Amino acid sequence: MRRWWNLLEQAVATELPNVSVYCDGACSGNPGPGGWAAVLLFEQGAERVLQGGERDTTNNRMELTAALQALRALSEPFAVTFITDSSYLMNGATLWLPGWKKRNWKRKEGALANIDLWQALDREMQRHQVRWEWVRGHSGDRNNERADKAARNAVPKN
């Protein structure tokens, strides 16, 4: 039965259009002014760069916002591959999120930071088939560097 279900999931995933999302966050001080960016690469060759910033935030909030805004920008379900250099974002989305939900959005050690963004990201991920890949930051990955630069450029200047 499980094998049949896996095959069904794979078939559904292949019917969805594909998009790769490189996302990054940046902060000038932590906390401080911060920016986020997402580079969306669609399978047909189209690209879209999203970015924004806040005057008082943290780097982790900007990382989460980049992923969240990328998903919100998709008007229909996609097979989404996130590529991120943020261990916080990737581990949170792939390893920690199920436990937080089981514990009513709490960490084993208590309150969950950025709960508003984690809950919103969880809701948005339900609409899509999502995979996560980690890439080392500043290692020459062209699109990761593009997301980093766009995030840094989005940091509000006084």
N, C-alpha and C. Protein backbone atom coordinates (compact mmCIF):
# COMPACT_ATOMS: atom_id res chain seq x y z
N MET A 1 0.83 -1.20 0.00
CA MET A 1 0.00 0.00 0.00
C MET A 1 0.87 1.26 0.00
N ARG A 2 1.91 1.27 0.85
CA ARG A 2 2.77 2.45 0.93
C ARG A 2 3.49 2.70 -0.39
N ARG A 3 3.93 1.64 -1.05
CA ARG A 3 4.61 1.80 -2.34
C ARG A 3 3.66 2.45 -3.36
N TRP A 4 2.40 2.01 -3.37
CA TRP A 4 1.41 2.59 -4.28
C TRP A 4 1.25 4.08 -3.99
N TRP A 5 1.18 4.42 -2.69
CA TRP A 5 1.02 5.83 -2.31
C TRP A 5 2.22 6.66 -2.77
N ASN A 6 3.44 6.14 -2.60
CA ASN A 6 4.64 6.84 -3.05
C ASN A 6 4.61 7.09 -4.56
N LEU A 7 4.17 6.08 -5.31
CA LEU A 7 4.07 6.25 -6.76
C LEU A 7 3.04 7.31 -7.12
N LEU A 8 1.92 7.32 -6.40
CA LEU A 8 0.89 8.32 -6.63
C LEU A 8 1.42 9.72 -6.33
N GLU A 9 2.12 9.87 -5.21
CA GLU A 9 2.70 11.18 -4.86
C GLU A 9 3.67 11.64 -5.93
N GLN A 10 4.50 10.74 -6.44
CA GLN A 10 5.46 11.11 -7.49
C GLN A 10 4.73 11.53 -8.76
N ALA A 11 3.67 10.83 -9.10
CA ALA A 11 2.91 11.18 -10.31
C ALA A 11 2.28 12.55 -10.17
N VAL A 12 1.71 12.84 -9.02
CA VAL A 12 1.10 14.15 -8.78
C VAL A 12 2.18 15.23 -8.85
N ALA A 13 3.33 14.98 -8.24
CA ALA A 13 4.40 15.97 -8.22
C ALA A 13 4.89 16.29 -9.62
N THR A 14 4.95 15.29 -10.51
CA THR A 14 5.46 15.54 -11.85
C THR A 14 4.48 16.32 -12.70
N GLU A 15 3.19 16.34 -12.33
CA GLU A 15 2.21 17.09 -13.09
C GLU A 15 2.25 18.58 -12.78
N LEU A 16 2.82 18.94 -11.66
CA LEU A 16 2.88 20.35 -11.28
C LEU A 16 4.01 21.04 -12.03
N PRO A 17 3.82 22.32 -12.37
CA PRO A 17 4.94 23.07 -12.95
C PRO A 17 6.04 23.22 -11.90
N ASN A 18 7.27 23.30 -12.36
CA ASN A 18 8.43 23.39 -11.46
C ASN A 18 8.95 24.81 -11.35
N VAL A 19 9.39 25.15 -10.15
CA VAL A 19 10.08 26.42 -9.92
C VAL A 19 11.18 26.18 -8.89
N SER A 20 12.34 26.74 -9.16
CA SER A 20 13.44 26.74 -8.19
C SER A 20 13.48 28.11 -7.55
N VAL A 21 13.61 28.14 -6.22
CA VAL A 21 13.61 29.40 -5.49
C VAL A 21 14.89 29.50 -4.67
N TYR A 22 15.70 30.49 -5.01
CA TYR A 22 16.88 30.82 -4.21
C TYR A 22 16.46 31.95 -3.30
N CYS A 23 16.55 31.75 -1.99
CA CYS A 23 16.11 32.80 -1.08
C CYS A 23 17.21 33.12 -0.07
N ASP A 24 17.19 34.37 0.37
CA ASP A 24 18.21 34.81 1.33
C ASP A 24 17.69 35.99 2.13
N GLY A 25 18.26 36.16 3.29
CA GLY A 25 17.97 37.29 4.15
C GLY A 25 19.26 37.96 4.55
N ALA A 26 19.18 39.22 4.91
CA ALA A 26 20.35 39.99 5.33
C ALA A 26 19.94 40.98 6.40
N CYS A 27 20.86 41.27 7.29
CA CYS A 27 20.60 42.25 8.34
C CYS A 27 21.84 43.10 8.55
N SER A 28 21.62 44.37 8.81
CA SER A 28 22.71 45.28 9.18
C SER A 28 22.58 45.48 10.69
N GLY A 29 23.27 44.63 11.43
CA GLY A 29 23.02 44.51 12.86
C GLY A 29 21.99 43.41 13.03
N ASN A 30 21.99 42.77 14.16
CA ASN A 30 21.04 41.67 14.35
C ASN A 30 20.58 41.66 15.80
N PRO A 31 19.49 42.38 16.16
CA PRO A 31 18.51 42.98 15.24
C PRO A 31 18.99 44.30 14.66
N GLY A 32 18.26 44.71 13.65
CA GLY A 32 18.54 45.96 12.95
C GLY A 32 17.76 45.98 11.66
N PRO A 33 18.10 46.92 10.77
CA PRO A 33 17.43 46.93 9.47
C PRO A 33 17.82 45.68 8.67
N GLY A 34 16.84 45.12 7.96
CA GLY A 34 17.11 43.90 7.22
C GLY A 34 16.40 43.85 5.89
N GLY A 35 16.88 42.97 5.04
CA GLY A 35 16.29 42.78 3.72
C GLY A 35 16.15 41.30 3.41
N TRP A 36 15.27 41.00 2.51
CA TRP A 36 15.07 39.63 2.06
C TRP A 36 14.93 39.64 0.54
N ALA A 37 15.23 38.50 -0.07
CA ALA A 37 15.07 38.38 -1.52
C ALA A 37 14.84 36.92 -1.89
N ALA A 38 14.13 36.73 -2.99
CA ALA A 38 13.91 35.41 -3.56
C ALA A 38 14.05 35.52 -5.08
N VAL A 39 14.85 34.63 -5.64
CA VAL A 39 15.01 34.53 -7.09
C VAL A 39 14.24 33.29 -7.52
N LEU A 40 13.18 33.49 -8.28
CA LEU A 40 12.34 32.39 -8.75
C LEU A 40 12.70 32.07 -10.19
N LEU A 41 13.08 30.83 -10.44
CA LEU A 41 13.44 30.37 -11.77
C LEU A 41 12.42 29.32 -12.22
N PHE A 42 11.59 29.69 -13.18
CA PHE A 42 10.53 28.81 -13.66
C PHE A 42 11.06 27.90 -14.76
N GLU A 43 10.48 26.71 -14.86
CA GLU A 43 10.98 25.71 -15.80
C GLU A 43 10.91 26.18 -17.25
N GLN A 44 10.01 27.12 -17.58
CA GLN A 44 9.91 27.61 -18.95
C GLN A 44 11.00 28.63 -19.27
N GLY A 45 11.81 28.99 -18.28
CA GLY A 45 12.89 29.94 -18.50
C GLY A 45 12.62 31.32 -17.93
N ALA A 46 11.40 31.58 -17.50
CA ALA A 46 11.08 32.89 -16.92
C ALA A 46 11.73 33.02 -15.54
N GLU A 47 12.01 34.25 -15.16
CA GLU A 47 12.59 34.55 -13.85
C GLU A 47 11.80 35.66 -13.20
N ARG A 48 11.83 35.66 -11.87
CA ARG A 48 11.22 36.75 -11.12
C ARG A 48 12.04 36.95 -9.86
N VAL A 49 12.38 38.19 -9.56
CA VAL A 49 13.11 38.51 -8.34
C VAL A 49 12.19 39.31 -7.43
N LEU A 50 12.03 38.82 -6.22
CA LEU A 50 11.22 39.50 -5.20
C LEU A 50 12.17 39.99 -4.12
N GLN A 51 11.86 41.15 -3.54
CA GLN A 51 12.69 41.64 -2.44
C GLN A 51 11.92 42.64 -1.61
N GLY A 52 12.36 42.81 -0.39
CA GLY A 52 11.74 43.76 0.51
C GLY A 52 12.61 43.91 1.75
N GLY A 53 12.20 44.81 2.62
CA GLY A 53 12.99 45.04 3.81
C GLY A 53 12.16 45.58 4.95
N GLU A 54 12.74 45.56 6.13
CA GLU A 54 12.13 46.09 7.34
C GLU A 54 13.18 46.86 8.12
N ARG A 55 12.72 47.86 8.85
CA ARG A 55 13.65 48.72 9.61
C ARG A 55 14.18 48.08 10.89
N ASP A 56 13.39 47.21 11.51
CA ASP A 56 13.82 46.59 12.77
C ASP A 56 13.45 45.11 12.74
N THR A 57 14.43 44.26 12.49
CA THR A 57 14.15 42.84 12.30
C THR A 57 15.40 42.03 12.65
N THR A 58 15.35 40.75 12.36
CA THR A 58 16.51 39.87 12.56
C THR A 58 16.80 39.15 11.25
N ASN A 59 17.99 38.61 11.15
CA ASN A 59 18.37 37.85 9.96
C ASN A 59 17.44 36.64 9.78
N ASN A 60 17.13 35.95 10.87
CA ASN A 60 16.26 34.78 10.75
C ASN A 60 14.87 35.16 10.23
N ARG A 61 14.33 36.28 10.69
CA ARG A 61 13.02 36.73 10.18
C ARG A 61 13.11 37.02 8.68
N MET A 62 14.21 37.59 8.23
CA MET A 62 14.36 37.90 6.82
C MET A 62 14.48 36.63 5.98
N GLU A 63 15.19 35.62 6.49
CA GLU A 63 15.30 34.33 5.79
C GLU A 63 13.91 33.72 5.62
N LEU A 64 13.14 33.70 6.69
CA LEU A 64 11.78 33.16 6.65
C LEU A 64 10.88 33.96 5.71
N THR A 65 10.99 35.27 5.76
CA THR A 65 10.15 36.13 4.92
C THR A 65 10.43 35.89 3.45
N ALA A 66 11.68 35.68 3.09
CA ALA A 66 12.03 35.42 1.69
C ALA A 66 11.30 34.17 1.18
N ALA A 67 11.34 33.09 1.96
CA ALA A 67 10.67 31.86 1.54
C ALA A 67 9.15 32.05 1.50
N LEU A 68 8.61 32.69 2.51
CA LEU A 68 7.17 32.92 2.60
C LEU A 68 6.68 33.76 1.42
N GLN A 69 7.36 34.84 1.12
CA GLN A 69 6.92 35.71 0.02
C GLN A 69 7.05 35.02 -1.33
N ALA A 70 8.04 34.16 -1.48
CA ALA A 70 8.17 33.39 -2.73
C ALA A 70 6.94 32.51 -2.92
N LEU A 71 6.53 31.80 -1.87
CA LEU A 71 5.35 30.94 -1.99
C LEU A 71 4.08 31.76 -2.23
N ARG A 72 3.96 32.88 -1.56
CA ARG A 72 2.78 33.73 -1.74
C ARG A 72 2.69 34.29 -3.16
N ALA A 73 3.82 34.43 -3.82
CA ALA A 73 3.84 34.98 -5.18
C ALA A 73 3.35 33.98 -6.23
N LEU A 74 3.24 32.71 -5.85
CA LEU A 74 2.80 31.67 -6.78
C LEU A 74 1.29 31.55 -6.74
N SER A 75 0.65 31.86 -7.85
CA SER A 75 -0.81 31.90 -7.88
C SER A 75 -1.46 30.53 -8.03
N GLU A 76 -0.67 29.52 -8.31
CA GLU A 76 -1.18 28.16 -8.45
C GLU A 76 -0.19 27.20 -7.81
N PRO A 77 -0.58 25.97 -7.56
CA PRO A 77 0.36 25.00 -6.96
C PRO A 77 1.55 24.71 -7.88
N PHE A 78 2.72 24.59 -7.28
CA PHE A 78 3.96 24.29 -7.99
C PHE A 78 4.71 23.19 -7.26
N ALA A 79 5.59 22.54 -7.98
CA ALA A 79 6.63 21.72 -7.38
C ALA A 79 7.79 22.70 -7.14
N VAL A 80 8.00 23.06 -5.88
CA VAL A 80 8.95 24.10 -5.50
C VAL A 80 10.21 23.47 -4.92
N THR A 81 11.35 23.85 -5.46
CA THR A 81 12.62 23.46 -4.86
C THR A 81 13.25 24.72 -4.30
N PHE A 82 13.33 24.79 -2.97
CA PHE A 82 14.02 25.90 -2.31
C PHE A 82 15.49 25.58 -2.23
N ILE A 83 16.32 26.55 -2.57
CA ILE A 83 17.76 26.43 -2.40
C ILE A 83 18.15 27.57 -1.47
N THR A 84 18.69 27.22 -0.30
CA THR A 84 18.99 28.21 0.71
C THR A 84 20.34 27.94 1.36
N ASP A 85 20.97 28.99 1.84
CA ASP A 85 22.20 28.83 2.62
C ASP A 85 21.91 28.97 4.11
N SER A 86 20.63 29.04 4.47
CA SER A 86 20.23 29.20 5.86
C SER A 86 19.91 27.85 6.50
N SER A 87 20.76 27.41 7.40
CA SER A 87 20.49 26.17 8.14
C SER A 87 19.23 26.34 8.99
N TYR A 88 19.03 27.52 9.54
CA TYR A 88 17.85 27.80 10.36
C TYR A 88 16.57 27.57 9.55
N LEU A 89 16.51 28.11 8.35
CA LEU A 89 15.32 27.96 7.51
C LEU A 89 15.14 26.51 7.08
N MET A 90 16.20 25.90 6.59
CA MET A 90 16.07 24.54 6.08
C MET A 90 15.76 23.54 7.19
N ASN A 91 16.48 23.61 8.29
CA ASN A 91 16.21 22.69 9.40
C ASN A 91 14.83 22.92 9.99
N GLY A 92 14.44 24.19 10.10
CA GLY A 92 13.11 24.50 10.62
C GLY A 92 12.02 23.90 9.76
N ALA A 93 12.14 24.06 8.44
CA ALA A 93 11.11 23.60 7.52
C ALA A 93 11.09 22.08 7.37
N THR A 94 12.25 21.43 7.49
CA THR A 94 12.32 20.00 7.21
C THR A 94 12.39 19.12 8.45
N LEU A 95 13.01 19.60 9.52
CA LEU A 95 13.23 18.77 10.70
C LEU A 95 12.39 19.18 11.91
N TRP A 96 12.34 20.47 12.20
CA TRP A 96 11.76 20.94 13.45
C TRP A 96 10.25 21.19 13.37
N LEU A 97 9.77 21.58 12.20
CA LEU A 97 8.36 21.97 12.05
C LEU A 97 7.37 20.90 12.52
N PRO A 98 7.54 19.64 12.15
CA PRO A 98 6.58 18.63 12.63
C PRO A 98 6.50 18.55 14.16
N GLY A 99 7.63 18.65 14.83
CA GLY A 99 7.63 18.62 16.30
C GLY A 99 6.97 19.84 16.90
N TRP A 100 7.22 21.00 16.32
CA TRP A 100 6.58 22.22 16.82
C TRP A 100 5.07 22.10 16.72
N LYS A 101 4.60 21.58 15.60
CA LYS A 101 3.15 21.44 15.41
C LYS A 101 2.57 20.44 16.42
N LYS A 102 3.26 19.34 16.66
CA LYS A 102 2.78 18.34 17.64
C LYS A 102 2.71 18.93 19.04
N ARG A 103 3.62 19.86 19.34
CA ARG A 103 3.66 20.49 20.67
C ARG A 103 2.90 21.81 20.68
N ASN A 104 1.93 21.97 19.77
CA ASN A 104 1.13 23.18 19.71
C ASN A 104 1.99 24.43 19.49
N TRP A 105 2.91 24.34 18.53
CA TRP A 105 3.77 25.45 18.13
C TRP A 105 4.68 25.92 19.27
N LYS A 106 5.25 24.96 19.97
CA LYS A 106 6.24 25.27 21.00
C LYS A 106 7.48 24.41 20.78
N ARG A 107 8.62 24.95 21.18
CA ARG A 107 9.85 24.17 21.19
C ARG A 107 9.88 23.33 22.46
N LYS A 108 10.73 22.34 22.49
CA LYS A 108 10.90 21.54 23.72
C LYS A 108 11.31 22.45 24.87
N GLU A 109 12.09 23.48 24.55
CA GLU A 109 12.62 24.39 25.56
C GLU A 109 11.68 25.57 25.84
N GLY A 110 10.54 25.64 25.19
CA GLY A 110 9.62 26.74 25.46
C GLY A 110 9.13 27.44 24.21
N ALA A 111 9.03 28.76 24.30
CA ALA A 111 8.44 29.56 23.23
C ALA A 111 9.22 29.45 21.92
N LEU A 112 8.48 29.49 20.84
CA LEU A 112 9.06 29.42 19.50
C LEU A 112 9.22 30.83 18.94
N ALA A 113 10.45 31.18 18.60
CA ALA A 113 10.71 32.49 17.99
C ALA A 113 10.14 32.51 16.57
N ASN A 114 9.65 33.64 16.16
CA ASN A 114 9.14 33.84 14.79
C ASN A 114 7.94 32.95 14.47
N ILE A 115 7.14 32.66 15.49
CA ILE A 115 6.01 31.75 15.32
C ILE A 115 5.06 32.23 14.23
N ASP A 116 4.86 33.53 14.12
CA ASP A 116 3.96 34.06 13.09
C ASP A 116 4.42 33.68 11.69
N LEU A 117 5.72 33.78 11.46
CA LEU A 117 6.25 33.45 10.13
C LEU A 117 6.28 31.94 9.90
N TRP A 118 6.62 31.17 10.92
CA TRP A 118 6.63 29.71 10.76
C TRP A 118 5.23 29.19 10.46
N GLN A 119 4.22 29.71 11.14
CA GLN A 119 2.85 29.26 10.89
C GLN A 119 2.39 29.65 9.48
N ALA A 120 2.73 30.86 9.06
CA ALA A 120 2.36 31.30 7.72
C ALA A 120 3.09 30.47 6.65
N LEU A 121 4.38 30.19 6.88
CA LEU A 121 5.13 29.38 5.93
C LEU A 121 4.54 27.97 5.85
N ASP A 122 4.18 27.40 6.99
CA ASP A 122 3.57 26.08 7.01
C ASP A 122 2.28 26.06 6.19
N ARG A 123 1.44 27.07 6.37
CA ARG A 123 0.18 27.15 5.60
C ARG A 123 0.46 27.24 4.10
N GLU A 124 1.40 28.07 3.72
CA GLU A 124 1.71 28.24 2.29
C GLU A 124 2.32 26.98 1.69
N MET A 125 3.14 26.27 2.46
CA MET A 125 3.76 25.05 1.94
C MET A 125 2.73 23.98 1.64
N GLN A 126 1.57 24.02 2.31
CA GLN A 126 0.53 23.02 2.09
C GLN A 126 -0.03 23.08 0.66
N ARG A 127 0.08 24.23 0.02
CA ARG A 127 -0.46 24.40 -1.34
C ARG A 127 0.47 23.84 -2.42
N HIS A 128 1.69 23.50 -2.04
CA HIS A 128 2.71 23.14 -3.03
C HIS A 128 3.39 21.82 -2.65
N GLN A 129 4.11 21.27 -3.61
CA GLN A 129 5.01 20.14 -3.36
C GLN A 129 6.38 20.78 -3.14
N VAL A 130 6.90 20.73 -1.92
CA VAL A 130 8.11 21.49 -1.57
C VAL A 130 9.27 20.56 -1.24
N ARG A 131 10.42 20.87 -1.81
CA ARG A 131 11.70 20.21 -1.48
C ARG A 131 12.66 21.30 -1.05
N TRP A 132 13.64 20.91 -0.23
CA TRP A 132 14.64 21.86 0.27
C TRP A 132 16.03 21.35 -0.05
N GLU A 133 16.89 22.26 -0.49
CA GLU A 133 18.31 21.95 -0.72
C GLU A 133 19.14 23.03 -0.03
N TRP A 134 20.22 22.61 0.56
CA TRP A 134 21.13 23.56 1.21
C TRP A 134 22.34 23.78 0.32
N VAL A 135 22.77 25.03 0.24
CA VAL A 135 23.98 25.39 -0.50
C VAL A 135 24.83 26.25 0.42
N ARG A 136 26.13 26.06 0.38
CA ARG A 136 27.03 26.88 1.19
C ARG A 136 26.99 28.31 0.68
N GLY A 137 26.80 29.25 1.59
CA GLY A 137 26.76 30.66 1.23
C GLY A 137 28.11 31.15 0.74
N HIS A 138 28.08 32.06 -0.19
CA HIS A 138 29.29 32.71 -0.72
C HIS A 138 30.28 31.69 -1.28
N SER A 139 29.73 30.66 -1.93
CA SER A 139 30.58 29.61 -2.49
C SER A 139 30.61 29.65 -4.01
N GLY A 140 30.05 30.71 -4.60
CA GLY A 140 30.09 30.86 -6.05
C GLY A 140 28.84 30.39 -6.77
N ASP A 141 27.81 29.93 -6.05
CA ASP A 141 26.56 29.57 -6.70
C ASP A 141 25.92 30.85 -7.21
N ARG A 142 25.80 30.98 -8.52
CA ARG A 142 25.37 32.23 -9.16
C ARG A 142 24.04 32.75 -8.62
N ASN A 143 23.05 31.90 -8.54
CA ASN A 143 21.74 32.38 -8.12
C ASN A 143 21.65 32.62 -6.62
N ASN A 144 22.42 31.87 -5.83
CA ASN A 144 22.49 32.16 -4.40
C ASN A 144 23.14 33.53 -4.19
N GLU A 145 24.14 33.83 -4.98
CA GLU A 145 24.80 35.14 -4.89
C GLU A 145 23.85 36.26 -5.33
N ARG A 146 23.03 35.98 -6.33
CA ARG A 146 22.03 36.97 -6.77
C ARG A 146 21.03 37.26 -5.65
N ALA A 147 20.56 36.21 -4.98
CA ALA A 147 19.62 36.40 -3.88
C ALA A 147 20.28 37.16 -2.74
N ASP A 148 21.52 36.84 -2.44
CA ASP A 148 22.25 37.53 -1.38
C ASP A 148 22.39 39.02 -1.69
N LYS A 149 22.77 39.31 -2.91
CA LYS A 149 22.95 40.72 -3.30
C LYS A 149 21.61 41.47 -3.26
N ALA A 150 20.55 40.85 -3.75
CA ALA A 150 19.24 41.50 -3.74
C ALA A 150 18.76 41.72 -2.30
N ALA A 151 19.01 40.77 -1.40
CA ALA A 151 18.63 40.94 0.00
C ALA A 151 19.40 42.08 0.64
N ARG A 152 20.70 42.13 0.39
CA ARG A 152 21.51 43.23 0.95
C ARG A 152 21.07 44.57 0.39
N ASN A 153 20.72 44.62 -0.89
CA ASN A 153 20.25 45.88 -1.49
C ASN A 153 18.89 46.30 -0.96
N ALA A 154 18.12 45.36 -0.42
CA ALA A 154 16.78 45.67 0.09
C ALA A 154 16.80 46.17 1.53
N VAL A 155 17.94 46.13 2.19
CA VAL A 155 18.03 46.62 3.57
C VAL A 155 17.78 48.11 3.56
N PRO A 156 16.77 48.57 4.34
CA PRO A 156 16.49 50.01 4.37
C PRO A 156 17.69 50.84 4.84
N LYS A 157 17.92 51.92 4.17
CA LYS A 157 18.99 52.85 4.54
C LYS A 157 18.38 53.94 5.39
N ASN A 158 18.79 54.07 6.60
CA ASN A 158 18.26 55.08 7.54
C ASN A 158 17.02 55.70 7.03
